């Protein structure tokens, strides 16, 4: 499986994100009080493979404590989604924004904590120097795409909200696992890198309507 993840081809496939129109959640469908947020999905080549960086959030955080997630957070005033993603990555894991090439956005997503999430895909030419901010990040995790592609690495977990059952994706890798929204975003990004054309936006909108009682 590892031979199938060729960094040059993966990067070339990701480049198609810049030329497509991502799915945007309609403004009228977004529940009141939602805040705009961005996350950075950052890849780099590693031998005949591609790596992606995640974080294990601090157990002391008010939201999503201890979960595996991408670096990211709310937008500041007059800040774009890529700018927010890069700033948050620098604050959380010490990633120098100058070494990140912004490739393009994935489809809009949302979190039950009240955020519209725009995932921003970035590419680095080599493994970066990283340093966890202990106030926000308990551990920096690096996963190889070849490992995430293995059938045994993939699964689902059941979540029940207001009597509705949801099957959320989960991905396991050496050193950790990632579930729910972050797993969904990771699958979308890897799909683009592997030459697919994922289209999860409409399903995310349908789940938004159901989750918040509008559908």
C-alpha atoms as a PDB file:
ATOM      1  CA  UNK A   1       0.000   0.000   0.000  1.00  0.00           C
ATOM      2  CA  UNK A   2       2.804   2.422   0.817  1.00  0.00           C
ATOM      3  CA  UNK A   3       4.057   2.370  -2.809  1.00  0.00           C
ATOM      4  CA  UNK A   4       0.690   3.780  -3.889  1.00  0.00           C
ATOM      5  CA  UNK A   5       1.279   7.026  -1.987  1.00  0.00           C
ATOM      6  CA  UNK A   6       3.646   8.911  -4.274  1.00  0.00           C
ATOM      7  CA  UNK A   7       4.290  12.390  -2.866  1.00  0.00           C
ATOM      8  CA  UNK A   8       4.569  14.095  -6.255  1.00  0.00           C
ATOM      9  CA  UNK A   9       1.320  12.652  -7.502  1.00  0.00           C
ATOM     10  CA  UNK A  10      -0.409  13.326  -4.179  1.00  0.00           C
ATOM     11  CA  UNK A  11       0.659  16.989  -4.312  1.00  0.00           C
ATOM     12  CA  UNK A  12      -0.426  17.316  -7.956  1.00  0.00           C
ATOM     13  CA  UNK A  13      -3.834  15.875  -7.138  1.00  0.00           C
ATOM     14  CA  UNK A  14      -4.255  18.285  -4.217  1.00  0.00           C
ATOM     15  CA  UNK A  15      -3.582  21.169  -6.612  1.00  0.00           C
ATOM     16  CA  UNK A  16      -7.037  20.592  -8.124  1.00  0.00           C
ATOM     17  CA  UNK A  17      -8.530  22.071  -4.944  1.00  0.00           C
ATOM     18  CA  UNK A  18      -7.439  25.534  -6.080  1.00  0.00           C
ATOM     19  CA  UNK A  19      -9.510  25.347  -9.261  1.00  0.00           C
ATOM     20  CA  UNK A  20     -12.778  23.956  -7.886  1.00  0.00           C
ATOM     21  CA  UNK A  21     -15.628  25.631  -6.065  1.00  0.00           C
ATOM     22  CA  UNK A  22     -15.979  24.044  -2.616  1.00  0.00           C
ATOM     23  CA  UNK A  23     -19.395  23.389  -1.115  1.00  0.00           C
ATOM     24  CA  UNK A  24     -20.424  26.255   1.144  1.00  0.00           C
ATOM     25  CA  UNK A  25     -23.028  25.897   3.869  1.00  0.00           C
ATOM     26  CA  UNK A  26     -25.892  28.261   2.967  1.00  0.00           C
ATOM     27  CA  UNK A  27     -25.997  31.231   5.340  1.00  0.00           C
ATOM     28  CA  UNK A  28     -29.695  30.735   5.965  1.00  0.00           C
ATOM     29  CA  UNK A  29     -29.075  27.146   7.113  1.00  0.00           C
ATOM     30  CA  UNK A  30     -26.477  28.035   9.764  1.00  0.00           C
ATOM     31  CA  UNK A  31     -27.951  28.088  13.291  1.00  0.00           C
ATOM     32  CA  UNK A  32     -27.862  31.410  15.176  1.00  0.00           C
ATOM     33  CA  UNK A  33     -24.738  32.020  17.204  1.00  0.00           C
ATOM     34  CA  UNK A  34     -22.385  29.924  15.078  1.00  0.00           C
ATOM     35  CA  UNK A  35     -18.838  31.276  14.765  1.00  0.00           C
ATOM     36  CA  UNK A  36     -16.503  30.992  11.772  1.00  0.00           C
ATOM     37  CA  UNK A  37     -13.444  28.801  12.327  1.00  0.00           C
ATOM     38  CA  UNK A  38     -10.623  27.369  10.225  1.00  0.00           C
ATOM     39  CA  UNK A  39      -8.353  24.353  10.573  1.00  0.00           C
ATOM     40  CA  UNK A  40      -5.109  23.538   8.777  1.00  0.00           C
ATOM     41  CA  UNK A  41      -4.696  20.132   7.136  1.00  0.00           C
ATOM     42  CA  UNK A  42      -0.950  20.145   6.474  1.00  0.00           C
ATOM     43  CA  UNK A  43       0.829  17.450   4.436  1.00  0.00           C
ATOM     44  CA  UNK A  44       4.495  16.881   3.565  1.00  0.00           C
ATOM     45  CA  UNK A  45       6.500  14.170   1.763  1.00  0.00           C
ATOM     46  CA  UNK A  46       8.343  11.511   3.733  1.00  0.00           C
ATOM     47  CA  UNK A  47      10.314   8.997   1.629  1.00  0.00           C
ATOM     48  CA  UNK A  48       7.720   7.209  -0.563  1.00  0.00           C
ATOM     49  CA  UNK A  49       4.859   8.422   1.577  1.00  0.00           C
ATOM     50  CA  UNK A  50       3.023  11.527   2.754  1.00  0.00           C
ATOM     51  CA  UNK A  51       2.588  12.678   6.357  1.00  0.00           C
ATOM     52  CA  UNK A  52      -0.102  14.799   7.987  1.00  0.00           C
ATOM     53  CA  UNK A  53       0.019  16.585  11.342  1.00  0.00           C
ATOM     54  CA  UNK A  54      -2.672  16.394  14.028  1.00  0.00           C
ATOM     55  CA  UNK A  55      -2.844  17.373  17.670  1.00  0.00           C
ATOM     56  CA  UNK A  56      -4.162  15.806  20.831  1.00  0.00           C
ATOM     57  CA  UNK A  57      -5.940  18.685  22.502  1.00  0.00           C
ATOM     58  CA  UNK A  58      -5.162  19.584  26.093  1.00  0.00           C
ATOM     59  CA  UNK A  59      -7.470  17.899  28.627  1.00  0.00           C
ATOM     60  CA  UNK A  60      -7.883  21.311  30.275  1.00  0.00           C
ATOM     61  CA  UNK A  61      -9.656  22.948  27.330  1.00  0.00           C
ATOM     62  CA  UNK A  62     -13.311  23.891  27.638  1.00  0.00           C
ATOM     63  CA  UNK A  63     -14.299  22.333  24.275  1.00  0.00           C
ATOM     64  CA  UNK A  64     -13.216  19.020  22.723  1.00  0.00           C
ATOM     65  CA  UNK A  65     -10.745  18.382  25.543  1.00  0.00           C
ATOM     66  CA  UNK A  66      -8.380  15.485  24.870  1.00  0.00           C
ATOM     67  CA  UNK A  67      -9.646  14.895  21.339  1.00  0.00           C
ATOM     68  CA  UNK A  68      -7.470  14.413  18.262  1.00  0.00           C
ATOM     69  CA  UNK A  69      -7.912  17.373  15.940  1.00  0.00           C
ATOM     70  CA  UNK A  70      -6.242  19.602  13.391  1.00  0.00           C
ATOM     71  CA  UNK A  71      -4.692  22.861  14.556  1.00  0.00           C
ATOM     72  CA  UNK A  72      -7.273  25.599  14.185  1.00  0.00           C
ATOM     73  CA  UNK A  73      -9.729  27.942  15.827  1.00  0.00           C
ATOM     74  CA  UNK A  74     -11.966  30.955  15.444  1.00  0.00           C
ATOM     75  CA  UNK A  75     -11.323  33.757  12.994  1.00  0.00           C
ATOM     76  CA  UNK A  76     -10.160  37.091  14.327  1.00  0.00           C
ATOM     77  CA  UNK A  77     -11.713  40.294  12.993  1.00  0.00           C
ATOM     78  CA  UNK A  78     -10.922  40.949   9.284  1.00  0.00           C
ATOM     79  CA  UNK A  79      -9.038  37.639   9.034  1.00  0.00           C
ATOM     80  CA  UNK A  80      -9.383  35.210   6.125  1.00  0.00           C
ATOM     81  CA  UNK A  81      -9.798  31.469   6.634  1.00  0.00           C
ATOM     82  CA  UNK A  82      -6.244  30.651   5.409  1.00  0.00           C
ATOM     83  CA  UNK A  83      -4.809  33.392   7.629  1.00  0.00           C
ATOM     84  CA  UNK A  84      -6.669  32.009  10.645  1.00  0.00           C
ATOM     85  CA  UNK A  85      -5.559  28.445   9.914  1.00  0.00           C
ATOM     86  CA  UNK A  86      -1.903  29.488   9.654  1.00  0.00           C
ATOM     87  CA  UNK A  87      -2.060  31.668  12.760  1.00  0.00           C
ATOM     88  CA  UNK A  88      -3.643  28.934  14.836  1.00  0.00           C
ATOM     89  CA  UNK A  89      -1.095  26.366  13.622  1.00  0.00           C
ATOM     90  CA  UNK A  90       1.733  28.695  14.613  1.00  0.00           C
ATOM     91  CA  UNK A  91       0.178  29.321  18.036  1.00  0.00           C
ATOM     92  CA  UNK A  92      -0.644  25.665  18.755  1.00  0.00           C
ATOM     93  CA  UNK A  93       2.258  23.704  17.256  1.00  0.00           C
ATOM     94  CA  UNK A  94       4.879  26.317  16.356  1.00  0.00           C
ATOM     95  CA  UNK A  95       4.476  25.789  12.600  1.00  0.00           C
ATOM     96  CA  UNK A  96       6.202  28.582  10.680  1.00  0.00           C
ATOM     97  CA  UNK A  97       3.581  29.931   8.223  1.00  0.00           C
ATOM     98  CA  UNK A  98       6.333  30.819   5.742  1.00  0.00           C
ATOM     99  CA  UNK A  99       6.993  27.123   5.022  1.00  0.00           C
ATOM    100  CA  UNK A 100       3.334  26.347   4.242  1.00  0.00           C
ATOM    101  CA  UNK A 101       1.950  26.596   0.728  1.00  0.00           C
ATOM    102  CA  UNK A 102      -1.814  27.009   0.885  1.00  0.00           C
ATOM    103  CA  UNK A 103      -3.312  24.619  -1.679  1.00  0.00           C
ATOM    104  CA  UNK A 104      -7.024  25.302  -1.250  1.00  0.00           C
ATOM    105  CA  UNK A 105     -10.094  24.682   0.901  1.00  0.00           C
ATOM    106  CA  UNK A 106     -12.149  21.548   1.389  1.00  0.00           C
ATOM    107  CA  UNK A 107     -15.945  21.612   1.642  1.00  0.00           C
ATOM    108  CA  UNK A 108     -17.449  23.541   4.533  1.00  0.00           C
ATOM    109  CA  UNK A 109     -18.030  21.575   7.730  1.00  0.00           C
ATOM    110  CA  UNK A 110     -19.529  22.289  11.146  1.00  0.00           C
ATOM    111  CA  UNK A 111     -19.141  21.231  14.750  1.00  0.00           C
ATOM    112  CA  UNK A 112     -21.731  20.585  17.422  1.00  0.00           C
ATOM    113  CA  UNK A 113     -19.963  23.175  19.573  1.00  0.00           C
ATOM    114  CA  UNK A 114     -21.309  25.887  17.277  1.00  0.00           C
ATOM    115  CA  UNK A 115     -18.717  26.475  14.565  1.00  0.00           C
ATOM    116  CA  UNK A 116     -18.747  26.660  10.792  1.00  0.00           C
ATOM    117  CA  UNK A 117     -15.407  25.073   9.963  1.00  0.00           C
ATOM    118  CA  UNK A 118     -13.472  25.762   6.765  1.00  0.00           C
ATOM    119  CA  UNK A 119     -10.669  23.184   6.336  1.00  0.00           C
ATOM    120  CA  UNK A 120      -7.615  24.686   4.602  1.00  0.00           C
ATOM    121  CA  UNK A 121      -5.167  22.286   2.962  1.00  0.00           C
ATOM    122  CA  UNK A 122      -1.471  23.161   3.069  1.00  0.00           C
ATOM    123  CA  UNK A 123       1.670  21.570   1.620  1.00  0.00           C
ATOM    124  CA  UNK A 124       5.199  21.640   3.047  1.00  0.00           C
ATOM    125  CA  UNK A 125       8.305  20.608   1.137  1.00  0.00           C
ATOM    126  CA  UNK A 126       9.753  18.763   4.134  1.00  0.00           C
ATOM    127  CA  UNK A 127       8.998  17.752   7.704  1.00  0.00           C
ATOM    128  CA  UNK A 128       8.701  20.931   9.793  1.00  0.00           C
ATOM    129  CA  UNK A 129      10.104  21.814  13.182  1.00  0.00           C
ATOM    130  CA  UNK A 130       7.161  21.702  15.585  1.00  0.00           C
ATOM    131  CA  UNK A 131       6.660  22.580  19.231  1.00  0.00           C
ATOM    132  CA  UNK A 132       3.450  22.007  21.192  1.00  0.00           C
ATOM    133  CA  UNK A 133       1.898  24.898  23.107  1.00  0.00           C
ATOM    134  CA  UNK A 134       1.019  23.128  26.391  1.00  0.00           C
ATOM    135  CA  UNK A 135      -1.876  25.503  27.048  1.00  0.00           C
ATOM    136  CA  UNK A 136      -3.703  24.057  24.041  1.00  0.00           C
ATOM    137  CA  UNK A 137      -1.933  20.905  22.858  1.00  0.00           C
ATOM    138  CA  UNK A 138      -1.088  17.833  24.904  1.00  0.00           C
ATOM    139  CA  UNK A 139       0.753  16.085  22.056  1.00  0.00           C
ATOM    140  CA  UNK A 140       1.653  16.570  18.400  1.00  0.00           C
ATOM    141  CA  UNK A 141       0.746  13.543  16.281  1.00  0.00           C
ATOM    142  CA  UNK A 142       2.089  12.702  12.831  1.00  0.00           C
ATOM    143  CA  UNK A 143       0.323  10.057  10.724  1.00  0.00           C
ATOM    144  CA  UNK A 144       1.425   8.486   7.470  1.00  0.00           C
ATOM    145  CA  UNK A 145      -1.167   8.447   4.708  1.00  0.00           C
ATOM    146  CA  UNK A 146      -0.196   4.907   3.690  1.00  0.00           C
ATOM    147  CA  UNK A 147      -1.177   3.711   7.151  1.00  0.00           C
ATOM    148  CA  UNK A 148      -4.474   5.601   7.090  1.00  0.00           C
ATOM    149  CA  UNK A 149      -5.344   3.986   3.753  1.00  0.00           C
ATOM    150  CA  UNK A 150      -5.203   0.458   5.146  1.00  0.00           C
ATOM    151  CA  UNK A 151      -8.649  -1.143   5.526  1.00  0.00           C
ATOM    152  CA  UNK A 152      -7.866  -2.199   9.077  1.00  0.00           C
ATOM    153  CA  UNK A 153      -7.214   1.452  10.012  1.00  0.00           C
ATOM    154  CA  UNK A 154     -10.764   2.510   9.204  1.00  0.00           C
ATOM    155  CA  UNK A 155     -13.965   2.086  11.128  1.00  0.00           C
ATOM    156  CA  UNK A 156     -17.041   3.855  12.449  1.00  0.00           C
ATOM    157  CA  UNK A 157     -18.412   4.766  15.843  1.00  0.00           C
ATOM    158  CA  UNK A 158     -22.068   5.287  16.695  1.00  0.00           C
ATOM    159  CA  UNK A 159     -23.203   8.558  18.233  1.00  0.00           C
ATOM    160  CA  UNK A 160     -26.759   9.216  19.422  1.00  0.00           C
ATOM    161  CA  UNK A 161     -28.069  12.787  19.581  1.00  0.00           C
ATOM    162  CA  UNK A 162     -31.707  13.570  20.401  1.00  0.00           C
ATOM    163  CA  UNK A 163     -32.636  10.014  19.556  1.00  0.00           C
ATOM    164  CA  UNK A 164     -30.981  10.094  16.126  1.00  0.00           C
ATOM    165  CA  UNK A 165     -28.180   7.595  15.475  1.00  0.00           C
ATOM    166  CA  UNK A 166     -25.141   8.791  13.532  1.00  0.00           C
ATOM    167  CA  UNK A 167     -22.276   6.667  12.194  1.00  0.00           C
ATOM    168  CA  UNK A 168     -19.141   8.759  12.498  1.00  0.00           C
ATOM    169  CA  UNK A 169     -15.846   7.760  10.858  1.00  0.00           C
ATOM    170  CA  UNK A 170     -12.774   6.794  12.849  1.00  0.00           C
ATOM    171  CA  UNK A 171      -9.183   6.308  11.695  1.00  0.00           C
ATOM    172  CA  UNK A 172      -6.462   4.517  13.633  1.00  0.00           C
ATOM    173  CA  UNK A 173      -2.741   5.032  13.164  1.00  0.00           C
ATOM    174  CA  UNK A 174       0.461   4.340  15.028  1.00  0.00           C
ATOM    175  CA  UNK A 175       0.353   6.670  17.989  1.00  0.00           C
ATOM    176  CA  UNK A 176      -3.325   7.494  18.097  1.00  0.00           C
ATOM    177  CA  UNK A 177      -6.707   7.664  16.451  1.00  0.00           C
ATOM    178  CA  UNK A 178      -8.963  10.382  15.086  1.00  0.00           C
ATOM    179  CA  UNK A 179     -12.756  10.410  15.144  1.00  0.00           C
ATOM    180  CA  UNK A 180     -15.812  12.317  14.008  1.00  0.00           C
ATOM    181  CA  UNK A 181     -15.348  15.664  12.280  1.00  0.00           C
ATOM    182  CA  UNK A 182     -11.540  15.504  12.130  1.00  0.00           C
ATOM    183  CA  UNK A 183     -11.660  11.991  10.639  1.00  0.00           C
ATOM    184  CA  UNK A 184     -14.219  13.171   8.080  1.00  0.00           C
ATOM    185  CA  UNK A 185     -11.986  16.071   7.039  1.00  0.00           C
ATOM    186  CA  UNK A 186      -8.926  13.835   6.879  1.00  0.00           C
ATOM    187  CA  UNK A 187     -10.723  11.329   4.650  1.00  0.00           C
ATOM    188  CA  UNK A 188     -11.813  14.142   2.338  1.00  0.00           C
ATOM    189  CA  UNK A 189      -8.294  15.574   2.076  1.00  0.00           C
ATOM    190  CA  UNK A 190      -6.690  12.177   1.493  1.00  0.00           C
ATOM    191  CA  UNK A 191      -9.324  11.392  -1.124  1.00  0.00           C
ATOM    192  CA  UNK A 192      -8.298  14.445  -3.117  1.00  0.00           C
ATOM    193  CA  UNK A 193      -4.633  13.560  -2.735  1.00  0.00           C
ATOM    194  CA  UNK A 194      -5.278  10.049  -4.024  1.00  0.00           C
ATOM    195  CA  UNK A 195      -7.028  11.307  -7.156  1.00  0.00           C
ATOM    196  CA  UNK A 196     -10.641  11.024  -6.055  1.00  0.00           C
ATOM    197  CA  UNK A 197     -13.234  13.805  -6.054  1.00  0.00           C
ATOM    198  CA  UNK A 198     -14.912  13.661  -2.634  1.00  0.00           C
ATOM    199  CA  UNK A 199     -18.165  15.601  -2.258  1.00  0.00           C
ATOM    200  CA  UNK A 200     -19.140  15.432   1.440  1.00  0.00           C
ATOM    201  CA  UNK A 201     -20.634  18.928   1.657  1.00  0.00           C
ATOM    202  CA  UNK A 202     -24.280  18.064   0.877  1.00  0.00           C
ATOM    203  CA  UNK A 203     -24.249  15.227   3.421  1.00  0.00           C
ATOM    204  CA  UNK A 204     -22.778  17.554   6.048  1.00  0.00           C
ATOM    205  CA  UNK A 205     -25.613  19.996   5.371  1.00  0.00           C
ATOM    206  CA  UNK A 206     -28.186  17.212   5.737  1.00  0.00           C
ATOM    207  CA  UNK A 207     -26.658  16.191   9.065  1.00  0.00           C
ATOM    208  CA  UNK A 208     -26.636  19.830  10.206  1.00  0.00           C
ATOM    209  CA  UNK A 209     -30.364  20.080   9.557  1.00  0.00           C
ATOM    210  CA  UNK A 210     -31.068  16.856  11.435  1.00  0.00           C
ATOM    211  CA  UNK A 211     -28.701  17.547  14.322  1.00  0.00           C
ATOM    212  CA  UNK A 212     -30.188  20.942  15.117  1.00  0.00           C
ATOM    213  CA  UNK A 213     -33.766  19.933  14.432  1.00  0.00           C
ATOM    214  CA  UNK A 214     -34.225  21.758  11.179  1.00  0.00           C
ATOM    215  CA  UNK A 215     -34.607  18.768   8.902  1.00  0.00           C
END
